[in-house]
Amino acid sequence: MKKLTAREIMIPEPVIISPSDSVSRALLEMTVRGIGGLPVVSDEGELLGMITHRDLILAGNTAEQLRVRDIMSTRVVAITPDTPVKKIAEMMRDTGLQRLPVVEGKKLVGLVTQSCLIRVLAEIL
């Protein structure tokens, strides 16, 4: 059986947000789309960080006056398109992360979420 990689299971054009966008916009995007986090990307497509519901909660009442860059996580665990799915599952299990950005160099090319893994698992079973 062929080993699956991030390339085969990733969301190829994930919803993204700019570091200069308001935290309110990030919250709206996440709420409307039913997602728990967004990659933060420069105008050139470079992955700069991630913003999640957890970041919004930690920002508390001041979140409305803030920009995404003020509360995003910049220490991001990223993978490449060739990362094996088994390794992705192990990384998520070991770190507790629910989503991993997929990068080529510094450019965001996709996103693998726990839902991506579950979808593939369901297909295999």
PDB file of N, CA and C in Angstrom:
ATOM      1  N   MET A   1       0.838  -1.188   0.000  1.00  0.00           N
ATOM      2  CA  MET A   1       0.000   0.000   0.000  1.00  0.00           C
ATOM      3  C   MET A   1       0.881   1.250   0.000  1.00  0.00           C
ATOM      4  N   LYS A   2       0.554   2.202  -0.846  1.00  0.00           N
ATOM      5  CA  LYS A   2       1.308   3.450  -0.967  1.00  0.00           C
ATOM      6  C   LYS A   2       1.207   4.255   0.327  1.00  0.00           C
ATOM      7  N   LYS A   3       2.335   4.830   0.734  1.00  0.00           N
ATOM      8  CA  LYS A   3       2.323   5.654   1.947  1.00  0.00           C
ATOM      9  C   LYS A   3       1.731   7.021   1.623  1.00  0.00           C
ATOM     10  N   LEU A   4       0.693   7.373   2.355  1.00  0.00           N
ATOM     11  CA  LEU A   4       0.053   8.681   2.164  1.00  0.00           C
ATOM     12  C   LEU A   4       0.928   9.775   2.765  1.00  0.00           C
ATOM     13  N   THR A   5       0.877  10.945   2.126  1.00  0.00           N
ATOM     14  CA  THR A   5       1.616  12.105   2.627  1.00  0.00           C
ATOM     15  C   THR A   5       0.662  13.279   2.829  1.00  0.00           C
ATOM     16  N   ALA A   6       1.190  14.318   3.415  1.00  0.00           N
ATOM     17  CA  ALA A   6       0.403  15.535   3.646  1.00  0.00           C
ATOM     18  C   ALA A   6      -0.217  16.041   2.350  1.00  0.00           C
ATOM     19  N   ARG A   7       0.522  15.938   1.267  1.00  0.00           N
ATOM     20  CA  ARG A   7       0.037  16.439  -0.036  1.00  0.00           C
ATOM     21  C   ARG A   7      -1.320  15.832  -0.408  1.00  0.00           C
ATOM     22  N   GLU A   8      -1.513  14.533  -0.107  1.00  0.00           N
ATOM     23  CA  GLU A   8      -2.748  13.852  -0.489  1.00  0.00           C
ATOM     24  C   GLU A   8      -3.932  14.165   0.424  1.00  0.00           C
ATOM     25  N   ILE A   9      -3.670  14.596   1.646  1.00  0.00           N
ATOM     26  CA  ILE A   9      -4.783  14.796   2.574  1.00  0.00           C
ATOM     27  C   ILE A   9      -5.011  16.252   2.984  1.00  0.00           C
ATOM     28  N   MET A  10      -4.091  17.132   2.626  1.00  0.00           N
ATOM     29  CA  MET A  10      -4.175  18.520   3.105  1.00  0.00           C
ATOM     30  C   MET A  10      -5.295  19.303   2.433  1.00  0.00           C
ATOM     31  N   ILE A  11      -5.678  20.377   3.099  1.00  0.00           N
ATOM     32  CA  ILE A  11      -6.577  21.372   2.516  1.00  0.00           C
ATOM     33  C   ILE A  11      -5.660  22.275   1.686  1.00  0.00           C
ATOM     34  N   PRO A  12      -5.793  22.259   0.350  1.00  0.00           N
ATOM     35  CA  PRO A  12      -4.812  22.963  -0.478  1.00  0.00           C
ATOM     36  C   PRO A  12      -4.896  24.486  -0.447  1.00  0.00           C
ATOM     37  N   GLU A  13      -6.044  25.035  -0.167  1.00  0.00           N
ATOM     38  CA  GLU A  13      -6.178  26.489  -0.085  1.00  0.00           C
ATOM     39  C   GLU A  13      -6.935  26.839   1.185  1.00  0.00           C
ATOM     40  N   PRO A  14      -6.250  26.727   2.337  1.00  0.00           N
ATOM     41  CA  PRO A  14      -6.956  26.990   3.595  1.00  0.00           C
ATOM     42  C   PRO A  14      -7.315  28.463   3.743  1.00  0.00           C
ATOM     43  N   VAL A  15      -8.301  28.721   4.575  1.00  0.00           N
ATOM     44  CA  VAL A  15      -8.662  30.092   4.915  1.00  0.00           C
ATOM     45  C   VAL A  15      -7.474  30.672   5.680  1.00  0.00           C
ATOM     46  N   ILE A  16      -7.044  31.851   5.286  1.00  0.00           N
ATOM     47  CA  ILE A  16      -5.893  32.497   5.923  1.00  0.00           C
ATOM     48  C   ILE A  16      -6.292  33.878   6.425  1.00  0.00           C
ATOM     49  N   ILE A  17      -5.381  34.468   7.196  1.00  0.00           N
ATOM     50  CA  ILE A  17      -5.610  35.824   7.679  1.00  0.00           C
ATOM     51  C   ILE A  17      -4.278  36.562   7.689  1.00  0.00           C
ATOM     52  N   SER A  18      -4.351  37.872   7.607  1.00  0.00           N
ATOM     53  CA  SER A  18      -3.167  38.723   7.594  1.00  0.00           C
ATOM     54  C   SER A  18      -2.831  39.168   9.020  1.00  0.00           C
ATOM     55  N   PRO A  19      -1.555  39.391   9.309  1.00  0.00           N
ATOM     56  CA  PRO A  19      -1.193  39.852  10.651  1.00  0.00           C
ATOM     57  C   PRO A  19      -1.784  41.217  10.989  1.00  0.00           C
ATOM     58  N   SER A  20      -2.114  42.012   9.975  1.00  0.00           N
ATOM     59  CA  SER A  20      -2.663  43.348  10.222  1.00  0.00           C
ATOM     60  C   SER A  20      -4.184  43.350  10.382  1.00  0.00           C
ATOM     61  N   ASP A  21      -4.821  42.207  10.124  1.00  0.00           N
ATOM     62  CA  ASP A  21      -6.273  42.122  10.308  1.00  0.00           C
ATOM     63  C   ASP A  21      -6.623  42.234  11.789  1.00  0.00           C
ATOM     64  N   SER A  22      -7.848  42.650  12.062  1.00  0.00           N
ATOM     65  CA  SER A  22      -8.297  42.766  13.444  1.00  0.00           C
ATOM     66  C   SER A  22      -8.571  41.383  14.018  1.00  0.00           C
ATOM     67  N   VAL A  23      -8.430  41.278  15.323  1.00  0.00           N
ATOM     68  CA  VAL A  23      -8.758  40.037  16.018  1.00  0.00           C
ATOM     69  C   VAL A  23     -10.247  39.740  15.838  1.00  0.00           C
ATOM     70  N   SER A  24     -11.065  40.790  15.782  1.00  0.00           N
ATOM     71  CA  SER A  24     -12.503  40.606  15.551  1.00  0.00           C
ATOM     72  C   SER A  24     -12.755  39.909  14.223  1.00  0.00           C
ATOM     73  N   ARG A  25     -12.003  40.266  13.194  1.00  0.00           N
ATOM     74  CA  ARG A  25     -12.152  39.613  11.878  1.00  0.00           C
ATOM     75  C   ARG A  25     -11.755  38.147  11.975  1.00  0.00           C
ATOM     76  N   ALA A  26     -10.682  37.860  12.694  1.00  0.00           N
ATOM     77  CA  ALA A  26     -10.250  36.463  12.866  1.00  0.00           C
ATOM     78  C   ALA A  26     -11.344  35.659  13.550  1.00  0.00           C
ATOM     79  N   LEU A  27     -11.926  36.223  14.598  1.00  0.00           N
ATOM     80  CA  LEU A  27     -13.003  35.546  15.320  1.00  0.00           C
ATOM     81  C   LEU A  27     -14.194  35.301  14.396  1.00  0.00           C
ATOM     82  N   LEU A  28     -14.556  36.303  13.611  1.00  0.00           N
ATOM     83  CA  LEU A  28     -15.670  36.168  12.680  1.00  0.00           C
ATOM     84  C   LEU A  28     -15.407  35.058  11.658  1.00  0.00           C
ATOM     85  N   GLU A  29     -14.209  35.054  11.064  1.00  0.00           N
ATOM     86  CA  GLU A  29     -13.855  34.021  10.078  1.00  0.00           C
ATOM     87  C   GLU A  29     -13.957  32.628  10.685  1.00  0.00           C
ATOM     88  N   MET A  30     -13.404  32.469  11.888  1.00  0.00           N
ATOM     89  CA  MET A  30     -13.427  31.161  12.533  1.00  0.00           C
ATOM     90  C   MET A  30     -14.856  30.732  12.860  1.00  0.00           C
ATOM     91  N   THR A  31     -15.651  31.666  13.342  1.00  0.00           N
ATOM     92  CA  THR A  31     -17.025  31.354  13.743  1.00  0.00           C
ATOM     93  C   THR A  31     -17.883  31.004  12.540  1.00  0.00           C
ATOM     94  N   VAL A  32     -17.839  31.844  11.509  1.00  0.00           N
ATOM     95  CA  VAL A  32     -18.664  31.632  10.320  1.00  0.00           C
ATOM     96  C   VAL A  32     -18.292  30.331   9.618  1.00  0.00           C
ATOM     97  N   ARG A  33     -17.012  30.004   9.584  1.00  0.00           N
ATOM     98  CA  ARG A  33     -16.552  28.819   8.858  1.00  0.00           C
ATOM     99  C   ARG A  33     -16.487  27.566   9.729  1.00  0.00           C
ATOM    100  N   GLY A  34     -16.710  27.734  11.015  1.00  0.00           N
ATOM    101  CA  GLY A  34     -16.694  26.583  11.914  1.00  0.00           C
ATOM    102  C   GLY A  34     -15.326  25.956  12.063  1.00  0.00           C
ATOM    103  N   ILE A  35     -14.293  26.810  12.116  1.00  0.00           N
ATOM    104  CA  ILE A  35     -12.930  26.302  12.256  1.00  0.00           C
ATOM    105  C   ILE A  35     -12.287  26.897  13.509  1.00  0.00           C
ATOM    106  N   GLY A  36     -11.286  26.212  14.017  1.00  0.00           N
ATOM    107  CA  GLY A  36     -10.684  26.610  15.284  1.00  0.00           C
ATOM    108  C   GLY A  36      -9.394  27.389  15.182  1.00  0.00           C
ATOM    109  N   GLY A  37      -8.914  27.614  13.966  1.00  0.00           N
ATOM    110  CA  GLY A  37      -7.666  28.348  13.832  1.00  0.00           C
ATOM    111  C   GLY A  37      -7.391  28.727  12.392  1.00  0.00           C
ATOM    112  N   LEU A  38      -6.522  29.725  12.242  1.00  0.00           N
ATOM    113  CA  LEU A  38      -6.179  30.241  10.920  1.00  0.00           C
ATOM    114  C   LEU A  38      -4.672  30.432  10.796  1.00  0.00           C
ATOM    115  N   PRO A  39      -4.091  30.032   9.665  1.00  0.00           N
ATOM    116  CA  PRO A  39      -2.711  30.402   9.411  1.00  0.00           C
ATOM    117  C   PRO A  39      -2.630  31.913   9.170  1.00  0.00           C
ATOM    118  N   VAL A  40      -1.593  32.523   9.715  1.00  0.00           N
ATOM    119  CA  VAL A  40      -1.346  33.947   9.504  1.00  0.00           C
ATOM    120  C   VAL A  40      -0.253  34.037   8.437  1.00  0.00           C
ATOM    121  N   VAL A  41      -0.583  34.739   7.335  1.00  0.00           N
ATOM    122  CA  VAL A  41       0.270  34.718   6.163  1.00  0.00           C
ATOM    123  C   VAL A  41       0.562  36.144   5.687  1.00  0.00           C
ATOM    124  N   SER A  42       1.806  36.361   5.242  1.00  0.00           N
ATOM    125  CA  SER A  42       2.190  37.665   4.692  1.00  0.00           C
ATOM    126  C   SER A  42       1.582  37.844   3.308  1.00  0.00           C
ATOM    127  N   ASP A  43       1.695  39.056   2.771  1.00  0.00           N
ATOM    128  CA  ASP A  43       1.195  39.333   1.423  1.00  0.00           C
ATOM    129  C   ASP A  43       1.886  38.459   0.376  1.00  0.00           C
ATOM    130  N   GLU A  44       3.100  37.992   0.684  1.00  0.00           N
ATOM    131  CA  GLU A  44       3.876  37.159  -0.234  1.00  0.00           C
ATOM    132  C   GLU A  44       3.562  35.671  -0.062  1.00  0.00           C
ATOM    133  N   GLY A  45       2.670  35.326   0.876  1.00  0.00           N
ATOM    134  CA  GLY A  45       2.310  33.930   1.077  1.00  0.00           C
ATOM    135  C   GLY A  45       3.164  33.195   2.101  1.00  0.00           C
ATOM    136  N   GLU A  46       4.028  33.944   2.796  1.00  0.00           N
ATOM    137  CA  GLU A  46       4.897  33.331   3.800  1.00  0.00           C
ATOM    138  C   GLU A  46       4.135  33.093   5.108  1.00  0.00           C
ATOM    139  N   LEU A  47       4.271  31.895   5.661  1.00  0.00           N
ATOM    140  CA  LEU A  47       3.641  31.571   6.941  1.00  0.00           C
ATOM    141  C   LEU A  47       4.353  32.337   8.055  1.00  0.00           C
ATOM    142  N   LEU A  48       3.582  33.147   8.788  1.00  0.00           N
ATOM    143  CA  LEU A  48       4.136  33.942   9.881  1.00  0.00           C
ATOM    144  C   LEU A  48       3.751  33.404  11.253  1.00  0.00           C
ATOM    145  N   GLY A  49       2.619  32.685  11.302  1.00  0.00           N
ATOM    146  CA  GLY A  49       2.150  32.182  12.580  1.00  0.00           C
ATOM    147  C   GLY A  49       0.779  31.549  12.434  1.00  0.00           C
ATOM    148  N   MET A  50       0.153  31.296  13.590  1.00  0.00           N
ATOM    149  CA  MET A  50      -1.195  30.746  13.641  1.00  0.00           C
ATOM    150  C   MET A  50      -1.973  31.519  14.697  1.00  0.00           C
ATOM    151  N   ILE A  51      -3.260  31.658  14.475  1.00  0.00           N
ATOM    152  CA  ILE A  51      -4.138  32.216  15.497  1.00  0.00           C
ATOM    153  C   ILE A  51      -5.271  31.214  15.700  1.00  0.00           C
ATOM    154  N   THR A  52      -5.557  30.921  16.973  1.00  0.00           N
ATOM    155  CA  THR A  52      -6.567  29.914  17.297  1.00  0.00           C
ATOM    156  C   THR A  52      -7.574  30.491  18.282  1.00  0.00           C
ATOM    157  N   HIS A  53      -8.660  29.733  18.489  1.00  0.00           N
ATOM    158  CA  HIS A  53      -9.638  30.142  19.496  1.00  0.00           C
ATOM    159  C   HIS A  53      -8.964  30.317  20.852  1.00  0.00           C
ATOM    160  N   ARG A  54      -8.003  29.473  21.141  1.00  0.00           N
ATOM    161  CA  ARG A  54      -7.287  29.567  22.422  1.00  0.00           C
ATOM    162  C   ARG A  54      -6.596  30.935  22.553  1.00  0.00           C
ATOM    163  N   ASP A  55      -5.971  31.406  21.485  1.00  0.00           N
ATOM    164  CA  ASP A  55      -5.326  32.728  21.511  1.00  0.00           C
ATOM    165  C   ASP A  55      -6.356  33.816  21.795  1.00  0.00           C
ATOM    166  N   LEU A  56      -7.542  33.676  21.191  1.00  0.00           N
ATOM    167  CA  LEU A  56      -8.605  34.664  21.391  1.00  0.00           C
ATOM    168  C   LEU A  56      -9.069  34.672  22.850  1.00  0.00           C
ATOM    169  N   ILE A  57      -9.207  33.490  23.423  1.00  0.00           N
ATOM    170  CA  ILE A  57      -9.629  33.393  24.826  1.00  0.00           C
ATOM    171  C   ILE A  57      -8.578  34.004  25.740  1.00  0.00           C
ATOM    172  N   LEU A  58      -7.310  33.698  25.475  1.00  0.00           N
ATOM    173  CA  LEU A  58      -6.230  34.230  26.313  1.00  0.00           C
ATOM    174  C   LEU A  58      -6.119  35.753  26.216  1.00  0.00           C
ATOM    175  N   ALA A  59      -6.516  36.323  25.072  1.00  0.00           N
ATOM    176  CA  ALA A  59      -6.467  37.781  24.907  1.00  0.00           C
ATOM    177  C   ALA A  59      -7.514  38.473  25.765  1.00  0.00           C
ATOM    178  N   GLY A  60      -8.571  37.738  26.107  1.00  0.00           N
ATOM    179  CA  GLY A  60      -9.594  38.282  27.004  1.00  0.00           C
ATOM    180  C   GLY A  60     -10.337  39.463  26.429  1.00  0.00           C
ATOM    181  N   ASN A  61     -10.715  40.373  27.319  1.00  0.00           N
ATOM    182  CA  ASN A  61     -11.550  41.518  26.941  1.00  0.00           C
ATOM    183  C   ASN A  61     -10.852  42.516  26.035  1.00  0.00           C
ATOM    184  N   THR A  62      -9.526  42.480  25.980  1.00  0.00           N
ATOM    185  CA  THR A  62      -8.796  43.458  25.163  1.00  0.00           C
ATOM    186  C   THR A  62      -8.744  43.046  23.696  1.00  0.00           C
ATOM    187  N   ALA A  63      -9.214  41.843  23.369  1.00  0.00           N
ATOM    188  CA  ALA A  63      -9.066  41.303  22.014  1.00  0.00           C
ATOM    189  C   ALA A  63      -9.625  42.230  20.934  1.00  0.00           C
ATOM    190  N   GLU A  64     -10.713  42.917  21.216  1.00  0.00           N
ATOM    191  CA  GLU A  64     -11.337  43.739  20.177  1.00  0.00           C
ATOM    192  C   GLU A  64     -10.459  44.884  19.696  1.00  0.00           C
ATOM    193  N   GLN A  65      -9.552  45.355  20.545  1.00  0.00           N
ATOM    194  CA  GLN A  65      -8.682  46.459  20.132  1.00  0.00           C
ATOM    195  C   GLN A  65      -7.391  45.972  19.469  1.00  0.00           C
ATOM    196  N   LEU A  66      -7.190  44.661  19.421  1.00  0.00           N
ATOM    197  CA  LEU A  66      -5.916  44.112  18.964  1.00  0.00           C
ATOM    198  C   LEU A  66      -5.945  43.696  17.499  1.00  0.00           C
ATOM    199  N   ARG A  67      -4.755  43.543  16.959  1.00  0.00           N
ATOM    200  CA  ARG A  67      -4.546  42.997  15.617  1.00  0.00           C
ATOM    201  C   ARG A  67      -4.085  41.553  15.762  1.00  0.00           C
ATOM    202  N   VAL A  68      -4.246  40.799  14.700  1.00  0.00           N
ATOM    203  CA  VAL A  68      -3.845  39.391  14.718  1.00  0.00           C
ATOM    204  C   VAL A  68      -2.386  39.252  15.162  1.00  0.00           C
ATOM    205  N   ARG A  69      -1.505  40.119  14.663  1.00  0.00           N
ATOM    206  CA  ARG A  69      -0.079  40.027  15.001  1.00  0.00           C
ATOM    207  C   ARG A  69       0.183  40.154  16.501  1.00  0.00           C
ATOM    208  N   ASP A  70      -0.745  40.794  17.234  1.00  0.00           N
ATOM    209  CA  ASP A  70      -0.560  41.004  18.664  1.00  0.00           C
ATOM    210  C   ASP A  70      -0.755  39.730  19.485  1.00  0.00           C
ATOM    211  N   ILE A  71      -1.535  38.784  18.972  1.00  0.00           N
ATOM    212  CA  ILE A  71      -1.828  37.592  19.783  1.00  0.00           C
ATOM    213  C   ILE A  71      -1.523  36.263  19.090  1.00  0.00           C
ATOM    214  N   MET A  72      -1.109  36.294  17.825  1.00  0.00           N
ATOM    215  CA  MET A  72      -0.851  35.043  17.112  1.00  0.00           C
ATOM    216  C   MET A  72       0.349  34.318  17.713  1.00  0.00           C
ATOM    217  N   SER A  73       0.376  33.014  17.516  1.00  0.00           N
ATOM    218  CA  SER A  73       1.528  32.207  17.913  1.00  0.00           C
ATOM    219  C   SER A  73       2.519  32.233  16.769  1.00  0.00           C
ATOM    220  N   THR A  74       3.766  32.572  17.083  1.00  0.00           N
ATOM    221  CA  THR A  74       4.785  32.620  16.034  1.00  0.00           C
ATOM    222  C   THR A  74       5.672  31.382  16.040  1.00  0.00           C
ATOM    223  N   ARG A  75       5.622  30.633  17.127  1.00  0.00           N
ATOM    224  CA  ARG A  75       6.378  29.372  17.180  1.00  0.00           C
ATOM    225  C   ARG A  75       5.461  28.263  16.676  1.00  0.00           C
ATOM    226  N   VAL A  76       5.508  28.054  15.370  1.00  0.00           N
ATOM    227  CA  VAL A  76       4.568  27.158  14.712  1.00  0.00           C
ATOM    228  C   VAL A  76       5.276  25.868  14.303  1.00  0.00           C
ATOM    229  N   VAL A  77       4.625  24.747  14.561  1.00  0.00           N
ATOM    230  CA  VAL A  77       5.098  23.463  14.075  1.00  0.00           C
ATOM    231  C   VAL A  77       4.500  23.273  12.689  1.00  0.00           C
ATOM    232  N   ALA A  78       5.367  23.214  11.683  1.00  0.00           N
ATOM    233  CA  ALA A  78       4.906  23.058  10.301  1.00  0.00           C
ATOM    234  C   ALA A  78       5.466  21.766   9.721  1.00  0.00           C
ATOM    235  N   ILE A  79       4.830  21.319   8.660  1.00  0.00           N
ATOM    236  CA  ILE A  79       5.255  20.115   7.958  1.00  0.00           C
ATOM    237  C   ILE A  79       5.423  20.438   6.483  1.00  0.00           C
ATOM    238  N   THR A  80       6.006  19.500   5.743  1.00  0.00           N
ATOM    239  CA  THR A  80       6.156  19.673   4.300  1.00  0.00           C
ATOM    240  C   THR A  80       5.128  18.798   3.585  1.00  0.00           C
ATOM    241  N   PRO A  81       4.913  19.035   2.300  1.00  0.00           N
ATOM    242  CA  PRO A  81       3.959  18.202   1.564  1.00  0.00           C
ATOM    243  C   PRO A  81       4.324  16.713   1.567  1.00  0.00           C
ATOM    244  N   ASP A  82       5.589  16.392   1.751  1.00  0.00           N
ATOM    245  CA  ASP A  82       6.040  15.002   1.719  1.00  0.00           C
ATOM    246  C   ASP A  82       6.035  14.322   3.084  1.00  0.00           C
ATOM    247  N   THR A  83       5.591  15.008   4.129  1.00  0.00           N
ATOM    248  CA  THR A  83       5.534  14.398   5.453  1.00  0.00           C
ATOM    249  C   THR A  83       4.530  13.252   5.443  1.00  0.00           C
ATOM    250  N   PRO A  84       4.951  12.046   5.866  1.00  0.00           N
ATOM    251  CA  PRO A  84       4.027  10.903   5.885  1.00  0.00           C
ATOM    252  C   PRO A  84       2.872  11.124   6.870  1.00  0.00           C
ATOM    253  N   VAL A  85       1.698  10.629   6.507  1.00  0.00           N
ATOM    254  CA  VAL A  85       0.510  10.774   7.348  1.00  0.00           C
ATOM    255  C   VAL A  85       0.737  10.152   8.730  1.00  0.00           C
ATOM    256  N   LYS A  86       1.435   9.032   8.792  1.00  0.00           N
ATOM    257  CA  LYS A  86       1.719   8.397  10.081  1.00  0.00           C
ATOM    258  C   LYS A  86       2.478   9.365  10.991  1.00  0.00           C
ATOM    259  N   LYS A  87       3.457  10.058  10.428  1.00  0.00           N
ATOM    260  CA  LYS A  87       4.238  11.033  11.210  1.00  0.00           C
ATOM    261  C   LYS A  87       3.357  12.199  11.650  1.00  0.00           C
ATOM    262  N   ILE A  88       2.464  12.644  10.775  1.00  0.00           N
ATOM    263  CA  ILE A  88       1.550  13.742  11.110  1.00  0.00           C
ATOM    264  C   ILE A  88       0.682  13.344  12.302  1.00  0.00           C
ATOM    265  N   ALA A  89       0.113  12.130  12.247  1.00  0.00           N
ATOM    266  CA  ALA A  89      -0.737  11.647  13.338  1.00  0.00           C
ATOM    267  C   ALA A  89       0.060  11.569  14.639  1.00  0.00           C
ATOM    268  N   GLU A  90       1.301  11.088  14.565  1.00  0.00           N
ATOM    269  CA  GLU A  90       2.145  11.003  15.763  1.00  0.00           C
ATOM    270  C   GLU A  90       2.453  12.397  16.312  1.00  0.00           C
ATOM    271  N   MET A  91       2.726  13.346  15.418  1.00  0.00           N
ATOM    272  CA  MET A  91       3.011  14.725  15.851  1.00  0.00           C
ATOM    273  C   MET A  91       1.802  15.327  16.562  1.00  0.00           C
ATOM    274  N   MET A  92       0.618  15.136  15.987  1.00  0.00           N
ATOM    275  CA  MET A  92      -0.597  15.675  16.606  1.00  0.00           C
ATOM    276  C   MET A  92      -0.841  15.013  17.959  1.00  0.00           C
ATOM    277  N   ARG A  93      -0.640  13.710  18.018  1.00  0.00           N
ATOM    278  CA  ARG A  93      -0.828  12.987  19.277  1.00  0.00           C
ATOM    279  C   ARG A  93       0.154  13.488  20.345  1.00  0.00           C
ATOM    280  N   ASP A  94       1.408  13.644  19.954  1.00  0.00           N
ATOM    281  CA  ASP A  94       2.450  14.001  20.919  1.00  0.00           C
ATOM    282  C   ASP A  94       2.420  15.465  21.353  1.00  0.00           C
ATOM    283  N   THR A  95       1.929  16.352  20.479  1.00  0.00           N
ATOM    284  CA  THR A  95       1.931  17.788  20.793  1.00  0.00           C
ATOM    285  C   THR A  95       0.566  18.316  21.210  1.00  0.00           C
ATOM    286  N   GLY A  96      -0.490  17.590  20.870  1.00  0.00           N
ATOM    287  CA  GLY A  96      -1.840  18.084  21.143  1.00  0.00           C
ATOM    288  C   GLY A  96      -2.324  19.098  20.122  1.00  0.00           C
ATOM    289  N   LEU A  97      -1.525  19.341  19.090  1.00  0.00           N
ATOM    290  CA  LEU A  97      -1.928  20.301  18.057  1.00  0.00           C
ATOM    291  C   LEU A  97      -3.040  19.711  17.207  1.00  0.00           C
ATOM    292  N   GLN A  98      -3.973  20.547  16.799  1.00  0.00           N
ATOM    293  CA  GLN A  98      -5.118  20.089  16.013  1.00  0.00           C
ATOM    294  C   GLN A  98      -4.982  20.416  14.533  1.00  0.00           C
ATOM    295  N   ARG A  99      -4.005  21.245  14.202  1.00  0.00           N
ATOM    296  CA  ARG A  99      -3.806  21.616  12.809  1.00  0.00           C
ATOM    297  C   ARG A  99      -2.320  21.904  12.585  1.00  0.00           C
ATOM    298  N   LEU A 100      -1.817  21.482  11.433  1.00  0.00           N
ATOM    299  CA  LEU A 100      -0.416  21.699  11.077  1.00  0.00           C
ATOM    300  C   LEU A 100      -0.346  22.346   9.700  1.00  0.00           C
ATOM    301  N   PRO A 101       0.262  23.532   9.621  1.00  0.00           N
ATOM    302  CA  PRO A 101       0.423  24.153   8.310  1.00  0.00           C
ATOM    303  C   PRO A 101       1.434  23.366   7.472  1.00  0.00           C
ATOM    304  N   VAL A 102       1.180  23.333   6.174  1.00  0.00           N
ATOM    305  CA  VAL A 102       2.071  22.655   5.237  1.00  0.00           C
ATOM    306  C   VAL A 102       2.812  23.738   4.460  1.00  0.00           C
ATOM    307  N   VAL A 103       4.144  23.681   4.499  1.00  0.00           N
ATOM    308  CA  VAL A 103       4.944  24.720   3.856  1.00  0.00           C
ATOM    309  C   VAL A 103       5.958  24.123   2.885  1.00  0.00           C
ATOM    310  N   GLU A 104       6.245  24.902   1.865  1.00  0.00           N
ATOM    311  CA  GLU A 104       7.375  24.638   0.969  1.00  0.00           C
ATOM    312  C   GLU A 104       8.279  25.846   1.131  1.00  0.00           C
ATOM    313  N   GLY A 105       9.453  25.640   1.720  1.00  0.00           N
ATOM    314  CA  GLY A 105      10.284  26.767   2.124  1.00  0.00           C
ATOM    315  C   GLY A 105       9.547  27.468   3.250  1.00  0.00           C
ATOM    316  N   LYS A 106       9.223  28.743   3.047  1.00  0.00           N
ATOM    317  CA  LYS A 106       8.442  29.481   4.047  1.00  0.00           C
ATOM    318  C   LYS A 106       7.017  29.744   3.583  1.00  0.00           C
ATOM    319  N   LYS A 107       6.700  29.280   2.365  1.00  0.00           N
ATOM    320  CA  LYS A 107       5.395  29.566   1.765  1.00  0.00           C
ATOM    321  C   LYS A 107       4.350  28.531   2.179  1.00  0.00           C
ATOM    322  N   LEU A 108       3.197  29.014   2.637  1.00  0.00           N
ATOM    323  CA  LEU A 108       2.098  28.138   3.010  1.00  0.00           C
ATOM    324  C   LEU A 108       1.481  27.535   1.749  1.00  0.00           C
ATOM    325  N   VAL A 109       1.375  26.199   1.722  1.00  0.00           N
ATOM    326  CA  VAL A 109       0.772  25.530   0.562  1.00  0.00           C
ATOM    327  C   VAL A 109      -0.450  24.694   0.949  1.00  0.00           C
ATOM    328  N   GLY A 110      -0.707  24.570   2.262  1.00  0.00           N
ATOM    329  CA  GLY A 110      -1.861  23.795   2.686  1.00  0.00           C
ATOM    330  C   GLY A 110      -1.952  23.724   4.198  1.00  0.00           C
ATOM    331  N   LEU A 111      -2.933  22.962   4.660  1.00  0.00           N
ATOM    332  CA  LEU A 111      -3.158  22.789   6.092  1.00  0.00           C
ATOM    333  C   LEU A 111      -3.701  21.373   6.312  1.00  0.00           C
ATOM    334  N   VAL A 112      -3.123  20.672   7.291  1.00  0.00           N
ATOM    335  CA  VAL A 112      -3.639  19.365   7.680  1.00  0.00           C
ATOM    336  C   VAL A 112      -4.265  19.514   9.055  1.00  0.00           C
ATOM    337  N   THR A 113      -5.516  19.098   9.162  1.00  0.00           N
ATOM    338  CA  THR A 113      -6.236  19.169  10.433  1.00  0.00           C
ATOM    339  C   THR A 113      -6.559  17.759  10.919  1.00  0.00           C
ATOM    340  N   GLN A 114      -7.011  17.679  12.149  1.00  0.00           N
ATOM    341  CA  GLN A 114      -7.455  16.385  12.659  1.00  0.00           C
ATOM    342  C   GLN A 114      -8.578  15.835  11.789  1.00  0.00           C
ATOM    343  N   SER A 115      -9.436  16.698  11.285  1.00  0.00           N
ATOM    344  CA  SER A 115     -10.527  16.257  10.408  1.00  0.00           C
ATOM    345  C   SER A 115      -9.986  15.605   9.130  1.00  0.00           C
ATOM    346  N   CYS A 116      -8.882  16.115   8.608  1.00  0.00           N
ATOM    347  CA  CYS A 116      -8.257  15.504   7.423  1.00  0.00           C
ATOM    348  C   CYS A 116      -7.840  14.069   7.744  1.00  0.00           C
ATOM    349  N   LEU A 117      -7.241  13.886   8.916  1.00  0.00           N
ATOM    350  CA  LEU A 117      -6.812  12.545   9.322  1.00  0.00           C
ATOM    351  C   LEU A 117      -8.000  11.610   9.500  1.00  0.00           C
ATOM    352  N   ILE A 118      -9.050  12.098  10.120  1.00  0.00           N
ATOM    353  CA  ILE A 118     -10.240  11.268  10.351  1.00  0.00           C
ATOM    354  C   ILE A 118     -10.883  10.879   9.025  1.00  0.00           C
ATOM    355  N   ARG A 119     -10.935  11.815   8.078  1.00  0.00           N
ATOM    356  CA  ARG A 119     -11.503  11.527   6.759  1.00  0.00           C
ATOM    357  C   ARG A 119     -10.724  10.400   6.079  1.00  0.00           C
ATOM    358  N   VAL A 120      -9.404  10.455   6.121  1.00  0.00           N
ATOM    359  CA  VAL A 120      -8.567   9.435   5.510  1.00  0.00           C
ATOM    360  C   VAL A 120      -8.730   8.104   6.234  1.00  0.00           C
ATOM    361  N   LEU A 121      -8.789   8.141   7.546  1.00  0.00           N
ATOM    362  CA  LEU A 121      -8.973   6.925   8.327  1.00  0.00           C
ATOM    363  C   LEU A 121     -10.300   6.262   7.972  1.00  0.00           C
ATOM    364  N   ALA A 122     -11.342   7.066   7.851  1.00  0.00           N
ATOM    365  CA  ALA A 122     -12.653   6.533   7.488  1.00  0.00           C
ATOM    366  C   ALA A 122     -12.625   5.878   6.107  1.00  0.00           C
ATOM    367  N   GLU A 123     -11.884   6.472   5.161  1.00  0.00           N
ATOM    368  CA  GLU A 123     -11.781   5.905   3.813  1.00  0.00           C
ATOM    369  C   GLU A 123     -11.036   4.576   3.843  1.00  0.00           C
ATOM    370  N   ILE A 124      -9.986   4.503   4.650  1.00  0.00           N
ATOM    371  CA  ILE A 124      -9.174   3.290   4.729  1.00  0.00           C
ATOM    372  C   ILE A 124      -9.972   2.156   5.380  1.00  0.00           C
ATOM    373  N   LEU A 125     -10.730   2.491   6.417  1.00  0.00           N
ATOM    374  CA  LEU A 125     -11.492   1.472   7.132  1.00  0.00           C
ATOM    375  C   LEU A 125     -12.753   1.114   6.374  1.00  0.00           C
TER     376      LEU A 125
END
